Amino acid sequence: SLEILAFDEAFLRLEREHPKAAAVVRLRFYAGLSVEETAAALSVSPRTVNREWTFARAWLHGTLGA
């Protein structure tokens, strides 16, 4: 559907502009990892994962809403 294509395009842009946030989205959304699992996989703190996750969701929402 068009929504899936729009999300994919937005995600690719997020990867280019904010790779750390995109890595969190990839692990949380696509792989289904928890905050703690994502933090361990990326060698960062759970707080960093939460910050990047919040940023990425807001960024994607703003991009897709535009």
PDB file of N, CA and C in Angstrom:
ATOM      1  N   SER A   1       0.834  -1.188   0.000  1.00  0.00           N
ATOM      2  CA  SER A   1       0.000   0.000   0.000  1.00  0.00           C
ATOM      3  C   SER A   1       0.880   1.253   0.000  1.00  0.00           C
ATOM      4  N   LEU A   2       0.267   2.358  -0.255  1.00  0.00           N
ATOM      5  CA  LEU A   2       0.995   3.627  -0.286  1.00  0.00           C
ATOM      6  C   LEU A   2       1.574   3.998   1.079  1.00  0.00           C
ATOM      7  N   GLU A   3       0.882   3.617   2.139  1.00  0.00           N
ATOM      8  CA  GLU A   3       1.368   3.931   3.487  1.00  0.00           C
ATOM      9  C   GLU A   3       2.674   3.196   3.790  1.00  0.00           C
ATOM     10  N   ILE A   4       2.774   1.955   3.359  1.00  0.00           N
ATOM     11  CA  ILE A   4       3.994   1.180   3.584  1.00  0.00           C
ATOM     12  C   ILE A   4       5.144   1.776   2.797  1.00  0.00           C
ATOM     13  N   LEU A   5       4.882   2.159   1.563  1.00  0.00           N
ATOM     14  CA  LEU A   5       5.924   2.791   0.745  1.00  0.00           C
ATOM     15  C   LEU A   5       6.370   4.114   1.342  1.00  0.00           C
ATOM     16  N   ALA A   6       5.423   4.891   1.848  1.00  0.00           N
ATOM     17  CA  ALA A   6       5.758   6.173   2.470  1.00  0.00           C
ATOM     18  C   ALA A   6       6.606   5.951   3.716  1.00  0.00           C
ATOM     19  N   PHE A   7       6.242   4.940   4.519  1.00  0.00           N
ATOM     20  CA  PHE A   7       7.028   4.654   5.716  1.00  0.00           C
ATOM     21  C   PHE A   7       8.436   4.210   5.329  1.00  0.00           C
ATOM     22  N   ASP A   8       8.549   3.343   4.332  1.00  0.00           N
ATOM     23  CA  ASP A   8       9.860   2.872   3.903  1.00  0.00           C
ATOM     24  C   ASP A   8      10.732   4.028   3.430  1.00  0.00           C
ATOM     25  N   GLU A   9      10.160   4.926   2.669  1.00  0.00           N
ATOM     26  CA  GLU A   9      10.910   6.090   2.192  1.00  0.00           C
ATOM     27  C   GLU A   9      11.353   6.970   3.364  1.00  0.00           C
ATOM     28  N   ALA A  10      10.446   7.174   4.316  1.00  0.00           N
ATOM     29  CA  ALA A  10      10.781   7.981   5.493  1.00  0.00           C
ATOM     30  C   ALA A  10      11.865   7.294   6.320  1.00  0.00           C
ATOM     31  N   PHE A  11      11.773   5.974   6.453  1.00  0.00           N
ATOM     32  CA  PHE A  11      12.778   5.251   7.225  1.00  0.00           C
ATOM     33  C   PHE A  11      14.150   5.328   6.552  1.00  0.00           C
ATOM     34  N   LEU A  12      14.192   5.220   5.241  1.00  0.00           N
ATOM     35  CA  LEU A  12      15.466   5.340   4.526  1.00  0.00           C
ATOM     36  C   LEU A  12      16.076   6.731   4.727  1.00  0.00           C
ATOM     37  N   ARG A  13      15.227   7.739   4.747  1.00  0.00           N
ATOM     38  CA  ARG A  13      15.712   9.104   5.012  1.00  0.00           C
ATOM     39  C   ARG A  13      16.230   9.214   6.441  1.00  0.00           C
ATOM     40  N   LEU A  14      15.523   8.608   7.383  1.00  0.00           N
ATOM     41  CA  LEU A  14      15.977   8.598   8.778  1.00  0.00           C
ATOM     42  C   LEU A  14      17.338   7.918   8.886  1.00  0.00           C
ATOM     43  N   GLU A  15      17.536   6.816   8.164  1.00  0.00           N
ATOM     44  CA  GLU A  15      18.829   6.136   8.172  1.00  0.00           C
ATOM     45  C   GLU A  15      19.958   7.041   7.692  1.00  0.00           C
ATOM     46  N   ARG A  16      19.689   7.828   6.669  1.00  0.00           N
ATOM     47  CA  ARG A  16      20.712   8.731   6.139  1.00  0.00           C
ATOM     48  C   ARG A  16      21.001   9.881   7.098  1.00  0.00           C
ATOM     49  N   GLU A  17      19.948  10.457   7.667  1.00  0.00           N
ATOM     50  CA  GLU A  17      20.096  11.661   8.477  1.00  0.00           C
ATOM     51  C   GLU A  17      20.387  11.390   9.948  1.00  0.00           C
ATOM     52  N   HIS A  18      19.881  10.284  10.462  1.00  0.00           N
ATOM     53  CA  HIS A  18      20.023   9.962  11.893  1.00  0.00           C
ATOM     54  C   HIS A  18      20.240   8.451  12.049  1.00  0.00           C
ATOM     55  N   PRO A  19      21.426   7.973  11.702  1.00  0.00           N
ATOM     56  CA  PRO A  19      21.661   6.522  11.708  1.00  0.00           C
ATOM     57  C   PRO A  19      21.498   5.848  13.071  1.00  0.00           C
ATOM     58  N   LYS A  20      21.823   6.526  14.152  1.00  0.00           N
ATOM     59  CA  LYS A  20      21.667   5.913  15.476  1.00  0.00           C
ATOM     60  C   LYS A  20      20.190   5.684  15.800  1.00  0.00           C
ATOM     61  N   ALA A  21      19.367   6.663  15.490  1.00  0.00           N
ATOM     62  CA  ALA A  21      17.934   6.518  15.725  1.00  0.00           C
ATOM     63  C   ALA A  21      17.368   5.417  14.833  1.00  0.00           C
ATOM     64  N   ALA A  22      17.828   5.334  13.601  1.00  0.00           N
ATOM     65  CA  ALA A  22      17.359   4.300  12.679  1.00  0.00           C
ATOM     66  C   ALA A  22      17.746   2.908  13.169  1.00  0.00           C
ATOM     67  N   ALA A  23      18.927   2.786  13.759  1.00  0.00           N
ATOM     68  CA  ALA A  23      19.353   1.496  14.300  1.00  0.00           C
ATOM     69  C   ALA A  23      18.424   1.056  15.423  1.00  0.00           C
ATOM     70  N   VAL A  24      18.015   1.989  16.245  1.00  0.00           N
ATOM     71  CA  VAL A  24      17.077   1.676  17.329  1.00  0.00           C
ATOM     72  C   VAL A  24      15.734   1.249  16.753  1.00  0.00           C
ATOM     73  N   VAL A  25      15.242   1.953  15.755  1.00  0.00           N
ATOM     74  CA  VAL A  25      13.968   1.584  15.125  1.00  0.00           C
ATOM     75  C   VAL A  25      14.070   0.185  14.525  1.00  0.00           C
ATOM     76  N   ARG A  26      15.170  -0.087  13.850  1.00  0.00           N
ATOM     77  CA  ARG A  26      15.360  -1.395  13.216  1.00  0.00           C
ATOM     78  C   ARG A  26      15.259  -2.517  14.249  1.00  0.00           C
ATOM     79  N   LEU A  27      15.918  -2.331  15.388  1.00  0.00           N
ATOM     80  CA  LEU A  27      15.917  -3.379  16.406  1.00  0.00           C
ATOM     81  C   LEU A  27      14.610  -3.445  17.192  1.00  0.00           C
ATOM     82  N   ARG A  28      14.047  -2.293  17.509  1.00  0.00           N
ATOM     83  CA  ARG A  28      12.806  -2.275  18.300  1.00  0.00           C
ATOM     84  C   ARG A  28      11.590  -2.653  17.449  1.00  0.00           C
ATOM     85  N   PHE A  29      11.445  -2.031  16.286  1.00  0.00           N
ATOM     86  CA  PHE A  29      10.249  -2.210  15.464  1.00  0.00           C
ATOM     87  C   PHE A  29      10.322  -3.484  14.627  1.00  0.00           C
ATOM     88  N   TYR A  30      11.395  -3.642  13.892  1.00  0.00           N
ATOM     89  CA  TYR A  30      11.500  -4.778  12.975  1.00  0.00           C
ATOM     90  C   TYR A  30      11.889  -6.078  13.679  1.00  0.00           C
ATOM     91  N   ALA A  31      12.840  -6.007  14.603  1.00  0.00           N
ATOM     92  CA  ALA A  31      13.299  -7.222  15.279  1.00  0.00           C
ATOM     93  C   ALA A  31      12.511  -7.525  16.551  1.00  0.00           C
ATOM     94  N   GLY A  32      11.769  -6.547  17.061  1.00  0.00           N
ATOM     95  CA  GLY A  32      10.943  -6.762  18.241  1.00  0.00           C
ATOM     96  C   GLY A  32      11.707  -6.851  19.547  1.00  0.00           C
ATOM     97  N   LEU A  33      12.905  -6.257  19.588  1.00  0.00           N
ATOM     98  CA  LEU A  33      13.696  -6.309  20.815  1.00  0.00           C
ATOM     99  C   LEU A  33      13.171  -5.323  21.861  1.00  0.00           C
ATOM    100  N   SER A  34      13.405  -5.650  23.101  1.00  0.00           N
ATOM    101  CA  SER A  34      13.047  -4.740  24.198  1.00  0.00           C
ATOM    102  C   SER A  34      14.071  -3.611  24.261  1.00  0.00           C
ATOM    103  N   VAL A  35      13.800  -2.655  25.112  1.00  0.00           N
ATOM    104  CA  VAL A  35      14.740  -1.556  25.312  1.00  0.00           C
ATOM    105  C   VAL A  35      16.077  -2.109  25.802  1.00  0.00           C
ATOM    106  N   GLU A  36      16.021  -3.007  26.767  1.00  0.00           N
ATOM    107  CA  GLU A  36      17.244  -3.571  27.336  1.00  0.00           C
ATOM    108  C   GLU A  36      18.022  -4.382  26.297  1.00  0.00           C
ATOM    109  N   GLU A  37      17.326  -5.178  25.493  1.00  0.00           N
ATOM    110  CA  GLU A  37      17.979  -5.975  24.453  1.00  0.00           C
ATOM    111  C   GLU A  37      18.609  -5.070  23.383  1.00  0.00           C
ATOM    112  N   THR A  38      17.890  -4.014  23.028  1.00  0.00           N
ATOM    113  CA  THR A  38      18.409  -3.071  22.044  1.00  0.00           C
ATOM    114  C   THR A  38      19.647  -2.373  22.576  1.00  0.00           C
ATOM    115  N   ALA A  39      19.610  -1.969  23.837  1.00  0.00           N
ATOM    116  CA  ALA A  39      20.770  -1.320  24.457  1.00  0.00           C
ATOM    117  C   ALA A  39      21.979  -2.242  24.435  1.00  0.00           C
ATOM    118  N   ALA A  40      21.774  -3.501  24.758  1.00  0.00           N
ATOM    119  CA  ALA A  40      22.881  -4.454  24.755  1.00  0.00           C
ATOM    120  C   ALA A  40      23.420  -4.660  23.338  1.00  0.00           C
ATOM    121  N   ALA A  41      22.537  -4.762  22.366  1.00  0.00           N
ATOM    122  CA  ALA A  41      22.957  -4.984  20.978  1.00  0.00           C
ATOM    123  C   ALA A  41      23.751  -3.806  20.425  1.00  0.00           C
ATOM    124  N   LEU A  42      23.400  -2.599  20.863  1.00  0.00           N
ATOM    125  CA  LEU A  42      24.068  -1.397  20.359  1.00  0.00           C
ATOM    126  C   LEU A  42      25.171  -0.892  21.291  1.00  0.00           C
ATOM    127  N   SER A  43      25.358  -1.563  22.410  1.00  0.00           N
ATOM    128  CA  SER A  43      26.353  -1.160  23.415  1.00  0.00           C
ATOM    129  C   SER A  43      26.140   0.274  23.896  1.00  0.00           C
ATOM    130  N   VAL A  44      24.883   0.576  24.217  1.00  0.00           N
ATOM    131  CA  VAL A  44      24.510   1.877  24.772  1.00  0.00           C
ATOM    132  C   VAL A  44      23.621   1.629  25.982  1.00  0.00           C
ATOM    133  N   SER A  45      23.286   2.690  26.689  1.00  0.00           N
ATOM    134  CA  SER A  45      22.424   2.546  27.860  1.00  0.00           C
ATOM    135  C   SER A  45      20.958   2.469  27.435  1.00  0.00           C
ATOM    136  N   PRO A  46      20.116   1.869  28.284  1.00  0.00           N
ATOM    137  CA  PRO A  46      18.671   1.875  27.995  1.00  0.00           C
ATOM    138  C   PRO A  46      18.122   3.299  27.872  1.00  0.00           C
ATOM    139  N   ARG A  47      18.685   4.222  28.619  1.00  0.00           N
ATOM    140  CA  ARG A  47      18.234   5.617  28.529  1.00  0.00           C
ATOM    141  C   ARG A  47      18.499   6.188  27.135  1.00  0.00           C
ATOM    142  N   THR A  48      19.650   5.855  26.554  1.00  0.00           N
ATOM    143  CA  THR A  48      19.968   6.300  25.199  1.00  0.00           C
ATOM    144  C   THR A  48      18.991   5.693  24.202  1.00  0.00           C
ATOM    145  N   VAL A  49      18.680   4.419  24.385  1.00  0.00           N
ATOM    146  CA  VAL A  49      17.708   3.765  23.500  1.00  0.00           C
ATOM    147  C   VAL A  49      16.363   4.479  23.592  1.00  0.00           C
ATOM    148  N   ASN A  50      15.910   4.756  24.807  1.00  0.00           N
ATOM    149  CA  ASN A  50      14.627   5.454  24.971  1.00  0.00           C
ATOM    150  C   ASN A  50      14.647   6.825  24.313  1.00  0.00           C
ATOM    151  N   ARG A  51      15.743   7.547  24.447  1.00  0.00           N
ATOM    152  CA  ARG A  51      15.849   8.878  23.838  1.00  0.00           C
ATOM    153  C   ARG A  51      15.806   8.785  22.314  1.00  0.00           C
ATOM    154  N   GLU A  52      16.578   7.864  21.740  1.00  0.00           N
ATOM    155  CA  GLU A  52      16.599   7.695  20.280  1.00  0.00           C
ATOM    156  C   GLU A  52      15.257   7.190  19.763  1.00  0.00           C
ATOM    157  N   TRP A  53      14.611   6.300  20.496  1.00  0.00           N
ATOM    158  CA  TRP A  53      13.308   5.749  20.124  1.00  0.00           C
ATOM    159  C   TRP A  53      12.245   6.858  20.114  1.00  0.00           C
ATOM    160  N   THR A  54      12.257   7.685  21.143  1.00  0.00           N
ATOM    161  CA  THR A  54      11.314   8.795  21.209  1.00  0.00           C
ATOM    162  C   THR A  54      11.552   9.774  20.067  1.00  0.00           C
ATOM    163  N   PHE A  55      12.823  10.113  19.830  1.00  0.00           N
ATOM    164  CA  PHE A  55      13.159  11.008  18.737  1.00  0.00           C
ATOM    165  C   PHE A  55      12.717  10.433  17.393  1.00  0.00           C
ATOM    166  N   ALA A  56      13.052   9.162  17.152  1.00  0.00           N
ATOM    167  CA  ALA A  56      12.733   8.538  15.863  1.00  0.00           C
ATOM    168  C   ALA A  56      11.235   8.485  15.620  1.00  0.00           C
ATOM    169  N   ARG A  57      10.465   8.135  16.632  1.00  0.00           N
ATOM    170  CA  ARG A  57       9.001   8.088  16.469  1.00  0.00           C
ATOM    171  C   ARG A  57       8.452   9.468  16.135  1.00  0.00           C
ATOM    172  N   ALA A  58       8.923  10.499  16.840  1.00  0.00           N
ATOM    173  CA  ALA A  58       8.463  11.863  16.571  1.00  0.00           C
ATOM    174  C   ALA A  58       8.895  12.310  15.179  1.00  0.00           C
ATOM    175  N   TRP A  59      10.125  12.007  14.811  1.00  0.00           N
ATOM    176  CA  TRP A  59      10.655  12.389  13.495  1.00  0.00           C
ATOM    177  C   TRP A  59       9.857  11.715  12.391  1.00  0.00           C
ATOM    178  N   LEU A  60       9.617  10.415  12.524  1.00  0.00           N
ATOM    179  CA  LEU A  60       8.846   9.695  11.507  1.00  0.00           C
ATOM    180  C   LEU A  60       7.412  10.205  11.438  1.00  0.00           C
ATOM    181  N   HIS A  61       6.818  10.450  12.581  1.00  0.00           N
ATOM    182  CA  HIS A  61       5.453  10.979  12.596  1.00  0.00           C
ATOM    183  C   HIS A  61       5.387  12.330  11.898  1.00  0.00           C
ATOM    184  N   GLY A  62       6.338  13.190  12.210  1.00  0.00           N
ATOM    185  CA  GLY A  62       6.371  14.502  11.561  1.00  0.00           C
ATOM    186  C   GLY A  62       6.619  14.407  10.068  1.00  0.00           C
ATOM    187  N   THR A  63       7.490  13.500   9.661  1.00  0.00           N
ATOM    188  CA  THR A  63       7.799  13.322   8.252  1.00  0.00           C
ATOM    189  C   THR A  63       6.612  12.733   7.504  1.00  0.00           C
ATOM    190  N   LEU A  64       5.974  11.755   8.089  1.00  0.00           N
ATOM    191  CA  LEU A  64       4.839  11.113   7.418  1.00  0.00           C
ATOM    192  C   LEU A  64       3.594  11.987   7.443  1.00  0.00           C
ATOM    193  N   GLY A  65       3.520  12.866   8.435  1.00  0.00           N
ATOM    194  CA  GLY A  65       2.360  13.763   8.503  1.00  0.00           C
ATOM    195  C   GLY A  65       2.465  14.946   7.585  1.00  0.00           C
ATOM    196  N   ALA A  66       3.667  15.214   7.070  1.00  0.00           N
ATOM    197  CA  ALA A  66       3.892  16.384   6.223  1.00  0.00           C
ATOM    198  C   ALA A  66       3.333  16.207   4.827  1.00  0.00           C
TER     199      ALA A  66
END
